[in-house]
Structures are given as structure tokens and as C-alpha cells.
């Protein structure tokens, strides 16, 4: 391989690597944008699961029922 051929080969390889890096940057930006949109939904889902787990406890259900009945009694 002559010096010119080697230089052309290196230039082509560098151009391909730069294109590949540009594609990877675009994919990464799209992934981050998707994650940003999902964050509030994931937070709400986690809060919902936590609430369900807390409400599984009989004591918590009893306290919630007592508070609701007290509020209803005050209105009467």
C-alpha cells in the first residue's frame, strides 16, 4: 500500500467514524428525551404502588376509614 493509498484509506476511515459518532450522539439524545418524558409517569406509578402497599396494612386501612367517618360526622 503506497503512502497516498494509505492516506486515502485513513481519511475514509476517519470520515466513517465521524458519521458513526454523529449517529450515536443522535440516538443518545433521543434516548435521553424518551427518559425525560417517562420520568413523571414512572414517579406516579411508583407512588401508586407505594400507596397500595401501605393500604395493605389493616392498621392503615382502619385509620383511613376512621378519618373518613370522622369527616362525615362533622358534616352532619
N, C-alpha and C. Protein backbone atom coordinates (compact mmCIF):
# COMPACT_ATOMS: atom_id res chain seq x y z
N UNK A 1 0.86 -1.16 0.00
CA UNK A 1 0.00 0.00 0.00
C UNK A 1 0.91 1.24 0.00
N UNK A 2 0.68 2.09 -0.97
CA UNK A 2 1.50 3.29 -1.08
C UNK A 2 1.06 4.32 -0.03
N UNK A 3 1.84 5.35 0.08
CA UNK A 3 1.55 6.40 1.05
C UNK A 3 0.24 7.10 0.76
N UNK A 4 -0.02 7.35 -0.54
CA UNK A 4 -1.28 8.04 -0.91
C UNK A 4 -2.49 7.16 -0.62
N UNK A 5 -2.37 5.88 -0.98
CA UNK A 5 -3.49 4.96 -0.73
C UNK A 5 -3.76 4.85 0.77
N UNK A 6 -2.70 4.78 1.53
CA UNK A 6 -2.85 4.70 2.99
C UNK A 6 -3.51 5.97 3.54
N UNK A 7 -3.11 7.12 3.04
CA UNK A 7 -3.68 8.39 3.49
C UNK A 7 -5.17 8.44 3.12
N UNK A 8 -5.53 8.00 1.90
CA UNK A 8 -6.93 7.97 1.49
C UNK A 8 -7.74 7.01 2.36
N UNK A 9 -7.14 5.86 2.63
CA UNK A 9 -7.81 4.87 3.47
C UNK A 9 -8.06 5.44 4.87
N UNK A 10 -7.07 6.10 5.42
CA UNK A 10 -7.21 6.69 6.75
C UNK A 10 -8.27 7.80 6.74
N UNK A 11 -8.28 8.61 5.69
CA UNK A 11 -9.26 9.70 5.58
C UNK A 11 -10.68 9.13 5.48
N UNK A 12 -10.86 8.06 4.68
CA UNK A 12 -12.17 7.43 4.56
C UNK A 12 -12.61 6.84 5.89
N UNK A 13 -11.68 6.18 6.55
CA UNK A 13 -11.98 5.56 7.84
C UNK A 13 -12.37 6.63 8.87
N UNK A 14 -11.66 7.74 8.87
CA UNK A 14 -11.97 8.83 9.80
C UNK A 14 -13.36 9.41 9.50
N UNK A 15 -13.68 9.58 8.22
CA UNK A 15 -14.99 10.11 7.85
C UNK A 15 -16.11 9.16 8.30
N UNK A 16 -15.90 7.86 8.12
CA UNK A 16 -16.89 6.88 8.56
C UNK A 16 -17.06 6.90 10.08
N UNK A 17 -15.95 7.00 10.79
CA UNK A 17 -16.02 7.05 12.25
C UNK A 17 -16.74 8.31 12.72
N UNK A 18 -16.53 9.42 12.05
CA UNK A 18 -17.22 10.65 12.42
C UNK A 18 -18.72 10.54 12.16
N UNK A 19 -19.11 9.91 11.05
CA UNK A 19 -20.53 9.70 10.78
C UNK A 19 -21.16 8.78 11.83
N UNK A 20 -20.45 7.71 12.17
CA UNK A 20 -20.94 6.79 13.18
C UNK A 20 -21.11 7.49 14.53
N UNK A 21 -20.14 8.34 14.89
CA UNK A 21 -20.23 9.08 16.15
C UNK A 21 -21.43 10.03 16.13
N UNK A 22 -21.70 10.65 15.00
CA UNK A 22 -22.84 11.56 14.89
C UNK A 22 -24.15 10.80 15.07
N UNK A 23 -24.25 9.62 14.48
CA UNK A 23 -25.45 8.79 14.63
C UNK A 23 -25.62 8.38 16.09
N UNK A 24 -24.53 7.99 16.74
CA UNK A 24 -24.61 7.59 18.15
C UNK A 24 -25.04 8.76 19.03
N UNK A 25 -24.54 9.96 18.75
CA UNK A 25 -24.95 11.14 19.53
C UNK A 25 -26.44 11.41 19.35
N UNK A 26 -26.94 11.26 18.13
CA UNK A 26 -28.37 11.47 17.88
C UNK A 26 -29.22 10.42 18.61
N UNK A 27 -28.78 9.17 18.57
CA UNK A 27 -29.51 8.12 19.28
C UNK A 27 -29.51 8.37 20.78
N UNK A 28 -28.39 8.80 21.31
CA UNK A 28 -28.29 9.09 22.74
C UNK A 28 -29.20 10.25 23.14
N UNK A 29 -29.24 11.28 22.32
CA UNK A 29 -30.12 12.42 22.60
C UNK A 29 -31.58 11.97 22.57
N UNK A 30 -31.95 11.12 21.63
CA UNK A 30 -33.32 10.62 21.56
C UNK A 30 -33.66 9.76 22.78
N UNK A 31 -32.70 8.95 23.21
CA UNK A 31 -32.92 8.12 24.39
C UNK A 31 -33.12 8.98 25.63
N UNK A 32 -32.29 9.99 25.81
CA UNK A 32 -32.45 10.88 26.96
C UNK A 32 -33.79 11.61 26.92
N UNK A 33 -34.22 12.01 25.74
CA UNK A 33 -35.52 12.69 25.62
C UNK A 33 -36.65 11.74 26.02
N UNK A 34 -36.56 10.48 25.61
CA UNK A 34 -37.56 9.49 25.99
C UNK A 34 -37.59 9.29 27.50
N UNK A 35 -36.41 9.21 28.10
CA UNK A 35 -36.33 9.04 29.56
C UNK A 35 -36.93 10.24 30.29
N UNK A 36 -36.69 11.43 29.76
CA UNK A 36 -37.25 12.63 30.40
C UNK A 36 -38.78 12.62 30.34
N UNK A 37 -39.35 12.13 29.26
CA UNK A 37 -40.81 12.06 29.15
C UNK A 37 -41.38 11.00 30.08
N UNK A 38 -40.65 9.92 30.30
CA UNK A 38 -41.13 8.82 31.13
C UNK A 38 -41.00 9.10 32.62
N UNK A 39 -40.12 10.01 33.01
CA UNK A 39 -39.83 10.22 34.43
C UNK A 39 -41.08 10.53 35.26
N UNK A 40 -41.95 11.48 34.85
CA UNK A 40 -43.14 11.74 35.68
C UNK A 40 -44.07 10.53 35.76
N UNK A 41 -44.19 9.81 34.68
CA UNK A 41 -45.05 8.62 34.68
C UNK A 41 -44.48 7.56 35.62
N UNK A 42 -43.18 7.37 35.58
CA UNK A 42 -42.56 6.38 36.46
C UNK A 42 -42.71 6.80 37.92
N UNK A 43 -42.58 8.09 38.20
CA UNK A 43 -42.73 8.58 39.58
C UNK A 43 -44.15 8.32 40.07
N UNK A 44 -45.14 8.61 39.23
CA UNK A 44 -46.55 8.41 39.61
C UNK A 44 -46.84 6.92 39.83
N UNK A 45 -46.30 6.08 38.98
CA UNK A 45 -46.50 4.64 39.13
C UNK A 45 -45.89 4.14 40.43
N UNK A 46 -44.69 4.62 40.74
CA UNK A 46 -44.03 4.22 41.98
C UNK A 46 -44.83 4.71 43.19
N UNK A 47 -45.35 5.92 43.14
CA UNK A 47 -46.17 6.44 44.24
C UNK A 47 -47.44 5.60 44.39
N UNK A 48 -48.04 5.21 43.29
CA UNK A 48 -49.24 4.38 43.34
C UNK A 48 -48.97 3.02 43.97
N UNK A 49 -47.86 2.39 43.56
CA UNK A 49 -47.51 1.10 44.15
C UNK A 49 -47.23 1.24 45.65
N UNK A 50 -46.55 2.31 46.03
CA UNK A 50 -46.26 2.53 47.44
C UNK A 50 -47.56 2.70 48.23
N UNK A 51 -48.48 3.47 47.68
CA UNK A 51 -49.77 3.67 48.34
C UNK A 51 -50.52 2.35 48.49
N UNK A 52 -50.52 1.53 47.45
CA UNK A 52 -51.18 0.23 47.53
C UNK A 52 -50.55 -0.64 48.61
N UNK A 53 -49.22 -0.64 48.69
CA UNK A 53 -48.55 -1.45 49.71
C UNK A 53 -48.86 -0.93 51.11
N UNK A 54 -48.94 0.38 51.26
CA UNK A 54 -49.28 0.94 52.56
C UNK A 54 -50.71 0.58 52.93
N UNK A 55 -51.61 0.66 51.96
CA UNK A 55 -53.01 0.35 52.24
C UNK A 55 -53.27 -1.13 52.50
N UNK A 56 -52.30 -1.99 52.21
CA UNK A 56 -52.45 -3.41 52.51
C UNK A 56 -52.48 -3.65 54.02
N UNK A 57 -51.89 -2.75 54.76
CA UNK A 57 -51.82 -2.89 56.21
C UNK A 57 -53.21 -2.64 56.82
N UNK A 58 -53.69 -3.54 57.65
CA UNK A 58 -55.01 -3.35 58.26
C UNK A 58 -55.06 -2.09 59.13
N UNK A 59 -54.00 -1.79 59.83
CA UNK A 59 -54.00 -0.61 60.70
C UNK A 59 -54.17 0.66 59.88
N UNK A 60 -53.50 0.75 58.75
CA UNK A 60 -53.61 1.94 57.90
C UNK A 60 -55.01 2.04 57.31
N UNK A 61 -55.57 0.91 56.89
CA UNK A 61 -56.94 0.94 56.37
C UNK A 61 -57.92 1.39 57.45
N UNK A 62 -57.71 0.91 58.67
CA UNK A 62 -58.58 1.29 59.78
C UNK A 62 -58.46 2.79 60.05
N UNK A 63 -57.24 3.32 60.07
CA UNK A 63 -57.05 4.76 60.30
C UNK A 63 -57.69 5.60 59.20
N UNK A 64 -57.56 5.14 57.93
CA UNK A 64 -58.18 5.87 56.82
C UNK A 64 -59.70 5.85 56.94
N UNK A 65 -60.25 4.71 57.31
CA UNK A 65 -61.71 4.61 57.47
C UNK A 65 -62.18 5.49 58.63
N UNK A 66 -61.45 5.48 59.73
CA UNK A 66 -61.82 6.30 60.88
C UNK A 66 -61.78 7.79 60.53
N UNK A 67 -60.77 8.20 59.79
CA UNK A 67 -60.67 9.61 59.39
C UNK A 67 -61.82 9.99 58.47
N UNK A 68 -62.17 9.10 57.53
CA UNK A 68 -63.28 9.39 56.62
C UNK A 68 -64.60 9.48 57.38
N UNK A 69 -64.82 8.57 58.33
CA UNK A 69 -66.06 8.60 59.10
C UNK A 69 -66.12 9.85 59.99
N UNK A 70 -64.99 10.25 60.55
CA UNK A 70 -64.96 11.46 61.38
C UNK A 70 -65.32 12.68 60.53
N UNK A 71 -64.78 12.73 59.30
CA UNK A 71 -65.09 13.85 58.41
C UNK A 71 -66.58 13.86 58.05
N UNK A 72 -67.15 12.69 57.83
CA UNK A 72 -68.58 12.61 57.51
C UNK A 72 -69.42 13.03 58.72
N UNK A 73 -69.00 12.66 59.91
CA UNK A 73 -69.74 13.02 61.13
C UNK A 73 -69.74 14.52 61.36
N UNK A 74 -68.64 15.17 61.04
CA UNK A 74 -68.54 16.62 61.21
C UNK A 74 -69.51 17.34 60.28
N UNK A 75 -69.72 16.81 59.10
CA UNK A 75 -70.64 17.44 58.15
C UNK A 75 -72.08 17.34 58.59
N UNK A 76 -72.41 16.29 59.33
CA UNK A 76 -73.80 16.06 59.74
C UNK A 76 -74.24 17.00 60.82
